[in-house]
Amino acid sequence: MKRIYVIALLALAGIIGTGKALAQDEVRVTVPFDFAVGNKVLPAGMYSITPVSATAIEIQNRATWNGVLTLTNQTSKESAKNVLVFDKYNGHYFLREILCESARMNLSLPASKSEQRARELEAKYPTDGGQVLLALK
């Protein structure tokens, strides 16, 4: 009986320790414009970005509870600055990368179908496209 109790206690300690380690990697950013992550458009506001696994993150506005879970890929890009990288096409912003050495998050997000369509339209009819960088807190 004691053995089962000790194993359960060690397992619980491991789970709690992992949760605390992931919570320390949370970063915050104020985004002054609406932006898309995958197929979801999030309104402007203050967001926290938290890893939930090695290949997924949660982006959430704690005040309004708007948020999204999305898959990510590790990127080899490194940045001296902690920034979010957005692609801008025809006035629409799409989150592309999270480059944050302090939180060990150098991640890229896959392009959604709406971003691919916006990119194609931008190529045909150029407007004010480009990249926008926002500093992380």
C-alpha atoms as a PDB file:
ATOM      1  CA  MET A   1       0.000   0.000   0.000  1.00  0.00           C
ATOM      2  CA  LYS A   2       2.810   2.402   0.890  1.00  0.00           C
ATOM      3  CA  ARG A   3       4.472   1.653  -2.429  1.00  0.00           C
ATOM      4  CA  ILE A   4       1.348   2.647  -4.395  1.00  0.00           C
ATOM      5  CA  TYR A   5       1.031   5.811  -2.304  1.00  0.00           C
ATOM      6  CA  VAL A   6       4.676   6.778  -2.972  1.00  0.00           C
ATOM      7  CA  ILE A   7       4.341   6.116  -6.727  1.00  0.00           C
ATOM      8  CA  ALA A   8       1.151   8.198  -6.907  1.00  0.00           C
ATOM      9  CA  LEU A   9       2.789  11.015  -4.939  1.00  0.00           C
ATOM     10  CA  LEU A  10       5.838  11.034  -7.240  1.00  0.00           C
ATOM     11  CA  ALA A  11       3.621  11.047 -10.330  1.00  0.00           C
ATOM     12  CA  LEU A  12       1.601  13.972  -8.953  1.00  0.00           C
ATOM     13  CA  ALA A  13       4.786  15.901  -8.118  1.00  0.00           C
ATOM     14  CA  GLY A  14       6.018  15.350 -11.665  1.00  0.00           C
ATOM     15  CA  ILE A  15       2.767  16.679 -13.139  1.00  0.00           C
ATOM     16  CA  ILE A  16       2.751  19.737 -10.867  1.00  0.00           C
ATOM     17  CA  GLY A  17       6.420  20.413 -11.608  1.00  0.00           C
ATOM     18  CA  THR A  18       5.785  20.255 -15.364  1.00  0.00           C
ATOM     19  CA  GLY A  19       2.869  22.675 -15.057  1.00  0.00           C
ATOM     20  CA  LYS A  20       5.006  25.163 -13.159  1.00  0.00           C
ATOM     21  CA  ALA A  21       7.798  24.890 -15.723  1.00  0.00           C
ATOM     22  CA  LEU A  22       5.391  25.560 -18.580  1.00  0.00           C
ATOM     23  CA  ALA A  23       3.765  28.488 -16.742  1.00  0.00           C
ATOM     24  CA  GLN A  24       7.180  30.146 -16.369  1.00  0.00           C
ATOM     25  CA  ASP A  25       7.489  30.180 -20.166  1.00  0.00           C
ATOM     26  CA  GLU A  26       4.392  32.381 -20.543  1.00  0.00           C
ATOM     27  CA  VAL A  27       4.936  35.658 -22.374  1.00  0.00           C
ATOM     28  CA  ARG A  28       2.623  38.647 -22.682  1.00  0.00           C
ATOM     29  CA  VAL A  29       2.059  41.068 -25.518  1.00  0.00           C
ATOM     30  CA  THR A  30      -0.356  43.874 -26.332  1.00  0.00           C
ATOM     31  CA  VAL A  31      -1.514  43.586 -29.931  1.00  0.00           C
ATOM     32  CA  PRO A  32      -2.963  46.891 -31.221  1.00  0.00           C
ATOM     33  CA  PHE A  33      -4.818  45.316 -34.167  1.00  0.00           C
ATOM     34  CA  ASP A  34      -7.059  42.355 -34.951  1.00  0.00           C
ATOM     35  CA  PHE A  35      -5.068  39.333 -36.103  1.00  0.00           C
ATOM     36  CA  ALA A  36      -5.605  35.777 -37.290  1.00  0.00           C
ATOM     37  CA  VAL A  37      -4.185  32.577 -35.854  1.00  0.00           C
ATOM     38  CA  GLY A  38      -5.151  29.663 -38.028  1.00  0.00           C
ATOM     39  CA  ASN A  39      -8.762  30.247 -39.038  1.00  0.00           C
ATOM     40  CA  LYS A  40      -9.676  32.325 -35.970  1.00  0.00           C
ATOM     41  CA  VAL A  41      -9.517  36.122 -35.867  1.00  0.00           C
ATOM     42  CA  LEU A  42      -8.651  37.554 -32.454  1.00  0.00           C
ATOM     43  CA  PRO A  43      -9.451  41.158 -31.501  1.00  0.00           C
ATOM     44  CA  ALA A  44      -6.821  43.680 -30.448  1.00  0.00           C
ATOM     45  CA  GLY A  45      -5.841  43.422 -26.796  1.00  0.00           C
ATOM     46  CA  MET A  46      -3.385  42.016 -24.285  1.00  0.00           C
ATOM     47  CA  TYR A  47      -2.575  38.347 -24.807  1.00  0.00           C
ATOM     48  CA  SER A  48      -0.614  35.707 -22.966  1.00  0.00           C
ATOM     49  CA  ILE A  49       1.148  32.997 -24.945  1.00  0.00           C
ATOM     50  CA  THR A  50       1.748  29.747 -23.107  1.00  0.00           C
ATOM     51  CA  PRO A  51       3.197  26.473 -24.363  1.00  0.00           C
ATOM     52  CA  VAL A  52       0.883  23.542 -23.670  1.00  0.00           C
ATOM     53  CA  SER A  53       3.109  20.895 -25.251  1.00  0.00           C
ATOM     54  CA  ALA A  54       6.237  20.653 -27.390  1.00  0.00           C
ATOM     55  CA  THR A  55       4.163  21.337 -30.517  1.00  0.00           C
ATOM     56  CA  ALA A  56       1.243  23.504 -29.333  1.00  0.00           C
ATOM     57  CA  ILE A  57       0.643  26.870 -27.704  1.00  0.00           C
ATOM     58  CA  GLU A  58      -2.307  28.699 -26.206  1.00  0.00           C
ATOM     59  CA  ILE A  59      -2.867  32.352 -27.085  1.00  0.00           C
ATOM     60  CA  GLN A  60      -5.431  33.934 -24.782  1.00  0.00           C
ATOM     61  CA  ASN A  61      -6.796  37.326 -23.806  1.00  0.00           C
ATOM     62  CA  ARG A  62      -7.461  36.844 -20.091  1.00  0.00           C
ATOM     63  CA  ALA A  63      -9.793  39.866 -19.905  1.00  0.00           C
ATOM     64  CA  THR A  64     -12.213  38.751 -22.641  1.00  0.00           C
ATOM     65  CA  TRP A  65     -11.389  35.013 -22.688  1.00  0.00           C
ATOM     66  CA  ASN A  66     -10.818  35.141 -26.452  1.00  0.00           C
ATOM     67  CA  GLY A  67      -8.195  32.606 -27.333  1.00  0.00           C
ATOM     68  CA  VAL A  68      -6.971  29.794 -29.499  1.00  0.00           C
ATOM     69  CA  LEU A  69      -4.883  26.639 -29.285  1.00  0.00           C
ATOM     70  CA  THR A  70      -2.607  26.152 -32.269  1.00  0.00           C
ATOM     71  CA  LEU A  71       0.092  23.824 -33.483  1.00  0.00           C
ATOM     72  CA  THR A  72       3.609  25.153 -33.934  1.00  0.00           C
ATOM     73  CA  ASN A  73       6.954  24.159 -35.373  1.00  0.00           C
ATOM     74  CA  GLN A  74      10.374  24.892 -33.932  1.00  0.00           C
ATOM     75  CA  THR A  75      12.223  27.419 -36.067  1.00  0.00           C
ATOM     76  CA  SER A  76      15.964  27.795 -36.417  1.00  0.00           C
ATOM     77  CA  LYS A  77      15.606  31.580 -36.520  1.00  0.00           C
ATOM     78  CA  GLU A  78      17.026  33.352 -33.533  1.00  0.00           C
ATOM     79  CA  SER A  79      16.366  36.898 -32.516  1.00  0.00           C
ATOM     80  CA  ALA A  80      18.246  39.260 -30.252  1.00  0.00           C
ATOM     81  CA  LYS A  81      14.824  40.742 -29.522  1.00  0.00           C
ATOM     82  CA  ASN A  82      11.746  39.034 -28.114  1.00  0.00           C
ATOM     83  CA  VAL A  83       9.118  39.636 -30.795  1.00  0.00           C
ATOM     84  CA  LEU A  84       5.974  38.398 -32.491  1.00  0.00           C
ATOM     85  CA  VAL A  85       6.182  38.437 -36.284  1.00  0.00           C
ATOM     86  CA  PHE A  86       2.985  39.132 -38.229  1.00  0.00           C
ATOM     87  CA  ASP A  87       2.503  38.941 -41.991  1.00  0.00           C
ATOM     88  CA  LYS A  88       0.296  41.748 -43.267  1.00  0.00           C
ATOM     89  CA  TYR A  89      -1.752  41.364 -46.452  1.00  0.00           C
ATOM     90  CA  ASN A  90      -4.307  43.971 -47.539  1.00  0.00           C
ATOM     91  CA  GLY A  91      -4.802  45.258 -43.996  1.00  0.00           C
ATOM     92  CA  HIS A  92      -5.155  41.787 -42.435  1.00  0.00           C
ATOM     93  CA  TYR A  93      -2.585  40.507 -39.948  1.00  0.00           C
ATOM     94  CA  PHE A  94      -1.578  36.850 -39.565  1.00  0.00           C
ATOM     95  CA  LEU A  95       0.640  35.621 -36.725  1.00  0.00           C
ATOM     96  CA  ARG A  96       3.662  33.968 -38.351  1.00  0.00           C
ATOM     97  CA  GLU A  97       6.354  33.508 -35.656  1.00  0.00           C
ATOM     98  CA  ILE A  98       7.097  33.851 -31.977  1.00  0.00           C
ATOM     99  CA  LEU A  99      10.772  34.583 -31.374  1.00  0.00           C
ATOM    100  CA  CYS A 100      11.430  34.711 -27.654  1.00  0.00           C
ATOM    101  CA  GLU A 101      14.760  33.482 -26.314  1.00  0.00           C
ATOM    102  CA  SER A 102      13.927  34.337 -22.701  1.00  0.00           C
ATOM    103  CA  ALA A 103      10.966  31.915 -22.742  1.00  0.00           C
ATOM    104  CA  ARG A 104      12.684  29.421 -25.046  1.00  0.00           C
ATOM    105  CA  MET A 105      10.018  29.914 -27.721  1.00  0.00           C
ATOM    106  CA  ASN A 106      11.368  30.133 -31.262  1.00  0.00           C
ATOM    107  CA  LEU A 107       8.251  28.945 -33.033  1.00  0.00           C
ATOM    108  CA  SER A 108       6.608  29.293 -36.404  1.00  0.00           C
ATOM    109  CA  LEU A 109       2.913  28.828 -37.087  1.00  0.00           C
ATOM    110  CA  PRO A 110       1.579  27.140 -40.221  1.00  0.00           C
ATOM    111  CA  ALA A 111      -0.181  29.345 -42.769  1.00  0.00           C
ATOM    112  CA  SER A 112      -3.959  28.957 -42.814  1.00  0.00           C
ATOM    113  CA  LYS A 113      -6.023  28.730 -45.983  1.00  0.00           C
ATOM    114  CA  SER A 114      -7.220  32.312 -45.513  1.00  0.00           C
ATOM    115  CA  GLU A 115      -3.614  33.494 -45.196  1.00  0.00           C
ATOM    116  CA  GLN A 116      -2.637  31.616 -48.348  1.00  0.00           C
ATOM    117  CA  ARG A 117      -5.528  33.277 -50.232  1.00  0.00           C
ATOM    118  CA  ALA A 118      -4.544  36.694 -48.861  1.00  0.00           C
ATOM    119  CA  ARG A 119      -0.926  36.079 -49.935  1.00  0.00           C
ATOM    120  CA  GLU A 120      -2.052  35.161 -53.467  1.00  0.00           C
ATOM    121  CA  LEU A 121      -4.215  38.294 -53.704  1.00  0.00           C
ATOM    122  CA  GLU A 122      -1.322  40.410 -52.435  1.00  0.00           C
ATOM    123  CA  ALA A 123       0.903  38.958 -55.169  1.00  0.00           C
ATOM    124  CA  LYS A 124      -1.678  39.825 -57.855  1.00  0.00           C
ATOM    125  CA  TYR A 125      -2.732  43.198 -56.462  1.00  0.00           C
ATOM    126  CA  PRO A 126       0.027  44.604 -54.221  1.00  0.00           C
ATOM    127  CA  THR A 127      -1.084  46.884 -51.397  1.00  0.00           C
ATOM    128  CA  ASP A 128       0.538  47.639 -48.068  1.00  0.00           C
ATOM    129  CA  GLY A 129       1.800  44.102 -47.350  1.00  0.00           C
ATOM    130  CA  GLY A 130       4.873  43.205 -45.346  1.00  0.00           C
ATOM    131  CA  GLN A 131       5.913  42.088 -41.901  1.00  0.00           C
ATOM    132  CA  VAL A 132       5.112  43.709 -38.577  1.00  0.00           C
ATOM    133  CA  LEU A 133       7.135  43.034 -35.405  1.00  0.00           C
ATOM    134  CA  LEU A 134       5.712  43.504 -31.902  1.00  0.00           C
ATOM    135  CA  ALA A 135       7.861  43.409 -28.762  1.00  0.00           C
ATOM    136  CA  LEU A 136       6.991  40.854 -26.084  1.00  0.00           C
ATOM    137  CA  LYS A 137       6.838  41.732 -22.385  1.00  0.00           C
END
